Amino acid sequence: MVVLATKVTEAVPTTVSATEASAPQLPPSVGRRRTPRTFLPATLALLLAVPLLAAAHQARTAPYGDHLTVRAVHARVEYGTRPPLRTTGGTVEAYDAATGRPRWTYTREGRRPLMVLPARGDAIALWDDGLVTATVRGDGSAVRWHRALPGAAPWLAAHGGTGVLRTLGARMLAVVTPQRIAAYRIADGDLRWVLPAHSGCAFEPARAVRHGSALLIAQPCATTDLWTGEIIAVDELGRITRNRAPLGNERRGEYHSAEHPHTEKVVAPPR
């Protein structure tokens, strides 16, 4: 009898430390240091995107259809004066009085300026769609602000812009339409006050005269024959009334200003 002996090999237990047992098993690719070649595609994509984004930014439509063209950058340094203004067709133009050449031009797509008014360092323009703009007058480098006149476009188309823009002192601009007078601070276009026309009356922008610091504006009414009720006087602070002393008025040698105020008179109450 032949007896075959089979050798059984017992598995020898392997001892594993607690640190090795708790450590997560990472895939072979994790933990390897990335070579510079790995970052190359992302870097190239970013570099290519920068000029595309810049071109897209420049291609955006200008707000309100504004187009400013500076034709003589050296004019501000050479002459050091604010150029005269005029409107030509659809263009607001600042030109050199000596040569007649334009220093800068300002246009709005599909719009026509009705009038332009020099005020402080700005060129205030009224457009046929009822928009008022303030452009830096010296070099035409920027449009400071835009302000819209509600419902004024149809009236402007029929009557034009004569007398609509009026300055009130050195700091304020009055925009006169039949329905209301609105005053804006020239520096930033901030709306300071609004004076609506009386019921049954309408302001006439072309019929206005200046008397000292006051602007007298005709306000014809269908329900009255008193001429005194058909004239409105305004200044920087709004409508001038009997019990109100406008800021900056001289009275018996006294000067009212922010530096030397009469507190009950410097700011008039709203009316």
Protein backbone atom coordinates (compact mmCIF):
# COMPACT_ATOMS: atom_id res chain seq x y z
CA MET A 1 0.00 0.00 0.00
CA VAL A 2 1.35 3.32 -0.96
CA VAL A 3 0.49 6.16 1.31
CA LEU A 4 0.65 9.66 -0.17
CA ALA A 5 1.49 12.35 2.31
CA THR A 6 0.05 15.78 1.73
CA LYS A 7 1.87 18.72 3.18
CA VAL A 8 -0.46 21.36 4.48
CA THR A 9 1.03 24.78 4.71
CA GLU A 10 -0.56 26.92 7.40
CA ALA A 11 -1.00 30.62 6.77
CA VAL A 12 1.30 32.58 8.94
CA PRO A 13 -0.52 35.58 10.45
CA THR A 14 0.98 38.93 9.54
CA THR A 15 1.31 41.54 12.23
CA VAL A 16 0.05 45.05 11.19
CA SER A 17 0.63 48.09 13.33
CA ALA A 18 -2.25 50.30 14.40
CA THR A 19 -0.86 53.25 12.41
CA GLU A 20 -0.79 51.32 9.16
CA ALA A 21 -4.27 49.94 9.76
CA SER A 22 -5.83 53.39 10.22
CA ALA A 23 -4.08 55.04 7.27
CA PRO A 24 -6.29 55.37 4.15
CA GLN A 25 -5.25 53.42 1.13
CA LEU A 26 -4.45 55.93 -1.63
CA PRO A 27 -4.46 55.04 -5.29
CA PRO A 28 -1.02 54.85 -6.87
CA SER A 29 -1.46 58.14 -8.78
CA VAL A 30 -2.24 60.18 -5.69
CA GLY A 31 0.65 61.74 -3.92
CA ARG A 32 2.84 61.97 -6.96
CA ARG A 33 4.24 65.39 -7.65
CA ARG A 34 2.73 67.01 -10.73
CA THR A 35 5.18 67.98 -13.35
CA PRO A 36 5.05 71.47 -14.97
CA ARG A 37 3.63 69.80 -18.05
CA THR A 38 0.40 69.19 -16.09
CA PHE A 39 -0.26 72.93 -15.57
CA LEU A 40 0.70 74.02 -19.08
CA PRO A 41 -2.74 73.64 -20.77
CA ALA A 42 -4.54 75.57 -18.01
CA THR A 43 -1.98 78.36 -18.08
CA LEU A 44 -2.18 78.70 -21.86
CA ALA A 45 -5.99 78.81 -21.71
CA LEU A 46 -5.89 81.61 -19.13
CA LEU A 47 -3.40 83.65 -21.16
CA LEU A 48 -5.52 83.30 -24.28
CA ALA A 49 -8.70 84.31 -22.41
CA VAL A 50 -7.31 87.65 -21.15
CA PRO A 51 -7.16 89.45 -24.54
CA LEU A 52 -10.54 87.99 -25.50
CA LEU A 53 -12.16 89.37 -22.34
CA ALA A 54 -10.54 92.76 -22.89
CA ALA A 55 -11.82 92.88 -26.47
CA ALA A 56 -15.32 91.93 -25.33
CA HIS A 57 -15.23 94.71 -22.73
CA GLN A 58 -14.25 97.29 -25.34
CA ALA A 59 -16.88 96.04 -27.78
CA ARG A 60 -19.76 96.68 -25.38
CA THR A 61 -22.26 99.30 -26.49
CA ALA A 62 -21.50 102.69 -24.91
CA PRO A 63 -24.15 103.83 -22.42
CA TYR A 64 -26.82 106.03 -24.04
CA GLY A 65 -25.01 105.68 -27.37
CA ASP A 66 -22.21 108.05 -26.30
CA HIS A 67 -19.24 108.61 -28.61
CA LEU A 68 -16.46 110.99 -27.55
CA THR A 69 -13.59 111.84 -29.90
CA VAL A 70 -10.65 113.92 -28.67
CA ARG A 71 -8.99 115.57 -31.69
CA ALA A 72 -6.36 117.73 -30.03
CA VAL A 73 -5.00 116.30 -26.79
CA HIS A 74 -2.33 118.98 -26.57
CA ALA A 75 -4.87 121.82 -26.64
CA ARG A 76 -5.47 121.80 -22.90
CA VAL A 77 -1.76 122.19 -22.16
CA GLU A 78 -1.02 124.60 -24.97
CA TYR A 79 -3.88 127.06 -24.43
CA GLY A 80 -4.98 126.35 -20.87
CA THR A 81 -8.47 127.75 -21.57
CA ARG A 82 -11.93 126.29 -21.92
CA PRO A 83 -12.82 126.04 -25.60
CA PRO A 84 -15.97 127.58 -27.09
CA LEU A 85 -18.88 125.25 -27.80
CA ARG A 86 -21.34 124.76 -30.62
CA THR A 87 -23.73 122.20 -32.05
CA THR A 88 -23.26 121.05 -35.64
CA GLY A 89 -25.86 118.64 -36.98
CA GLY A 90 -25.83 115.72 -34.55
CA THR A 91 -22.61 116.77 -32.81
CA VAL A 92 -21.62 118.77 -29.76
CA GLU A 93 -18.27 120.31 -30.58
CA ALA A 94 -15.61 122.17 -28.62
CA TYR A 95 -13.34 124.11 -30.94
CA ASP A 96 -10.36 126.41 -30.79
CA ALA A 97 -11.43 130.02 -31.25
CA ALA A 98 -8.15 130.99 -32.95
CA THR A 99 -7.95 128.23 -35.54
CA GLY A 100 -11.57 127.06 -35.71
CA ARG A 101 -10.42 123.46 -35.45
CA PRO A 102 -12.36 121.09 -33.18
CA ARG A 103 -10.70 119.92 -29.99
CA TRP A 104 -13.27 117.24 -29.23
CA THR A 105 -16.65 116.06 -30.49
CA TYR A 106 -19.48 114.29 -28.70
CA THR A 107 -22.28 112.40 -30.43
CA ARG A 108 -25.07 110.02 -29.42
CA GLU A 109 -26.27 107.35 -31.81
CA GLY A 110 -29.44 108.42 -33.57
CA ARG A 111 -29.84 111.59 -31.47
CA ARG A 112 -29.46 115.31 -32.11
CA PRO A 113 -28.41 118.02 -29.65
CA LEU A 114 -30.90 120.88 -29.38
CA MET A 115 -28.65 123.25 -27.44
CA VAL A 116 -25.40 123.33 -25.48
CA LEU A 117 -24.64 125.52 -22.48
CA PRO A 118 -21.21 126.19 -20.93
CA ALA A 119 -21.37 125.84 -17.15
CA ARG A 120 -18.33 125.81 -14.88
CA GLY A 121 -15.98 123.26 -16.45
CA ASP A 122 -18.70 121.36 -18.29
CA ALA A 123 -20.62 121.44 -21.53
CA ILE A 124 -24.30 120.88 -20.68
CA ALA A 125 -26.23 119.53 -23.67
CA LEU A 126 -29.95 118.98 -24.24
CA TRP A 127 -30.83 116.18 -26.69
CA ASP A 128 -33.96 115.58 -28.74
CA ASP A 129 -34.94 112.49 -26.72
CA GLY A 130 -35.17 114.55 -23.52
CA LEU A 131 -31.74 113.60 -22.14
CA VAL A 132 -29.45 116.16 -20.50
CA THR A 133 -25.71 115.40 -20.38
CA ALA A 134 -22.68 117.08 -18.84
CA THR A 135 -19.36 116.61 -20.64
CA VAL A 136 -15.95 117.70 -19.33
CA ARG A 137 -15.46 120.87 -21.31
CA GLY A 138 -11.69 121.30 -21.19
CA ASP A 139 -10.60 118.08 -22.87
CA GLY A 140 -13.81 116.18 -23.59
CA SER A 141 -12.41 113.13 -21.82
CA ALA A 142 -15.63 111.95 -20.16
CA VAL A 143 -19.37 112.43 -19.80
CA ARG A 144 -19.97 113.24 -16.15
CA TRP A 145 -23.67 112.42 -15.94
CA HIS A 146 -26.92 111.78 -17.81
CA ARG A 147 -30.38 112.92 -16.66
CA ALA A 148 -33.70 112.16 -18.38
CA LEU A 149 -36.65 114.58 -18.53
CA PRO A 150 -39.88 112.59 -18.12
CA GLY A 151 -42.31 113.08 -21.00
CA ALA A 152 -40.34 115.96 -22.54
CA ALA A 153 -39.42 114.39 -25.89
CA PRO A 154 -42.74 115.12 -27.72
CA TRP A 155 -42.75 118.75 -26.55
CA LEU A 156 -39.09 119.20 -27.53
CA ALA A 157 -39.80 117.80 -30.98
CA ALA A 158 -42.50 120.43 -31.51
CA HIS A 159 -40.92 123.47 -29.81
CA GLY A 160 -37.16 122.90 -29.69
CA GLY A 161 -34.90 123.52 -26.72
CA THR A 162 -34.80 127.33 -26.51
CA GLY A 163 -34.49 128.43 -22.88
CA VAL A 164 -34.74 124.94 -21.40
CA LEU A 165 -31.26 125.00 -19.85
CA ARG A 166 -30.60 127.84 -17.39
CA THR A 167 -27.82 128.31 -14.87
CA LEU A 168 -28.65 129.30 -11.30
CA GLY A 169 -25.48 130.82 -9.94
CA ALA A 170 -22.24 128.93 -10.44
CA ARG A 171 -23.30 125.60 -8.96
CA MET A 172 -26.80 124.81 -10.16
CA LEU A 173 -28.55 124.07 -13.44
CA ALA A 174 -32.27 124.68 -13.96
CA VAL A 175 -34.04 122.59 -16.60
CA VAL A 176 -37.33 124.31 -17.50
CA THR A 177 -40.15 122.42 -19.21
CA PRO A 178 -43.87 123.31 -19.31
CA GLN A 179 -44.70 120.89 -16.51
CA ARG A 180 -41.88 121.57 -14.05
CA ILE A 181 -38.57 123.23 -13.21
CA ALA A 182 -35.90 120.81 -12.00
CA ALA A 183 -32.59 121.94 -10.50
CA TYR A 184 -29.47 119.79 -10.70
CA ARG A 185 -26.09 120.27 -9.08
CA ILE A 186 -23.67 120.77 -11.98
CA ALA A 187 -20.76 118.94 -10.34
CA ASP A 188 -22.50 115.54 -10.17
CA GLY A 189 -26.02 115.90 -11.60
CA ASP A 190 -27.67 115.46 -8.20
CA LEU A 191 -31.35 116.50 -8.26
CA ARG A 192 -31.78 119.26 -5.65
CA TRP A 193 -35.38 120.40 -6.04
CA VAL A 194 -38.40 120.23 -8.34
CA LEU A 195 -41.04 122.96 -8.77
CA PRO A 196 -44.19 121.82 -10.63
CA ALA A 197 -46.34 124.30 -12.53
CA HIS A 198 -49.60 125.39 -10.91
CA SER A 199 -52.76 123.57 -11.96
CA GLY A 200 -54.00 125.04 -15.24
CA CYS A 201 -50.64 126.76 -15.85
CA ALA A 202 -47.50 125.96 -17.81
CA PHE A 203 -43.98 127.33 -17.77
CA GLU A 204 -42.62 128.90 -20.94
CA PRO A 205 -38.85 128.26 -21.07
CA ALA A 206 -38.20 130.84 -23.80
CA ARG A 207 -39.78 133.62 -21.71
CA ALA A 208 -37.34 134.02 -18.83
CA VAL A 209 -35.10 136.87 -17.66
CA ARG A 210 -32.42 137.12 -15.03
CA HIS A 211 -32.51 139.69 -12.23
CA GLY A 212 -29.45 139.48 -10.00
CA SER A 213 -29.27 135.94 -8.64
CA ALA A 214 -32.94 135.29 -9.47
CA LEU A 215 -34.41 133.81 -12.63
CA LEU A 216 -37.90 135.07 -13.53
CA ILE A 217 -39.90 132.58 -15.60
CA ALA A 218 -43.27 133.12 -17.26
CA GLN A 219 -46.06 130.79 -16.13
CA PRO A 220 -49.23 131.65 -18.13
CA CYS A 221 -52.44 130.34 -16.61
CA ALA A 222 -55.82 129.82 -18.23
CA THR A 223 -57.76 130.62 -15.06
CA THR A 224 -56.28 133.96 -13.98
CA ASP A 225 -55.67 137.40 -15.42
CA LEU A 226 -53.22 138.54 -12.72
CA TRP A 227 -49.79 138.93 -14.28
CA THR A 228 -48.16 138.71 -10.83
CA GLY A 229 -49.39 135.13 -10.53
CA GLU A 230 -47.99 134.24 -13.93
CA ILE A 231 -44.34 134.90 -13.05
CA ILE A 232 -42.23 132.57 -10.89
CA ALA A 233 -38.90 133.63 -9.37
CA VAL A 234 -36.33 130.94 -8.51
CA ASP A 235 -32.71 130.72 -7.48
CA GLU A 236 -30.34 128.00 -6.26
CA LEU A 237 -32.62 127.09 -3.36
CA GLY A 238 -35.88 126.96 -5.26
CA ARG A 239 -38.81 129.35 -5.43
CA ILE A 240 -38.20 132.78 -3.90
CA THR A 241 -40.94 133.82 -1.50
CA ARG A 242 -41.53 136.75 0.83
CA ASN A 243 -40.22 135.14 4.02
CA ARG A 244 -37.22 133.49 2.50
CA ALA A 245 -33.64 134.82 2.21
CA PRO A 246 -31.80 132.81 -0.47
CA LEU A 247 -28.33 131.56 0.32
CA GLY A 248 -25.65 134.09 -0.60
CA ASN A 249 -27.88 137.21 -0.57
CA GLU A 250 -26.39 140.41 0.79
CA ARG A 251 -28.58 142.36 3.20
CA ARG A 252 -27.48 145.54 4.96
CA GLY A 253 -23.84 144.65 4.74
CA GLU A 254 -24.38 141.08 5.99
CA TYR A 255 -23.35 138.11 3.88
CA HIS A 256 -25.12 134.80 4.32
CA SER A 257 -22.96 131.80 3.51
CA ALA A 258 -22.03 128.39 4.84
CA GLU A 259 -19.05 129.96 6.66
CA HIS A 260 -21.08 132.81 8.24
CA PRO A 261 -24.60 131.45 8.47
CA HIS A 262 -27.83 132.69 9.93
CA THR A 263 -29.12 129.26 10.82
CA GLU A 264 -32.75 130.17 10.32
CA LYS A 265 -32.07 131.50 6.80
CA VAL A 266 -29.27 129.44 5.24
CA VAL A 267 -31.52 126.59 4.16
CA ALA A 268 -35.02 127.50 3.14
CA PRO A 269 -37.86 125.16 4.14
CA PRO A 270 -39.39 123.12 1.32
CA ARG A 271 -42.39 124.70 -0.37
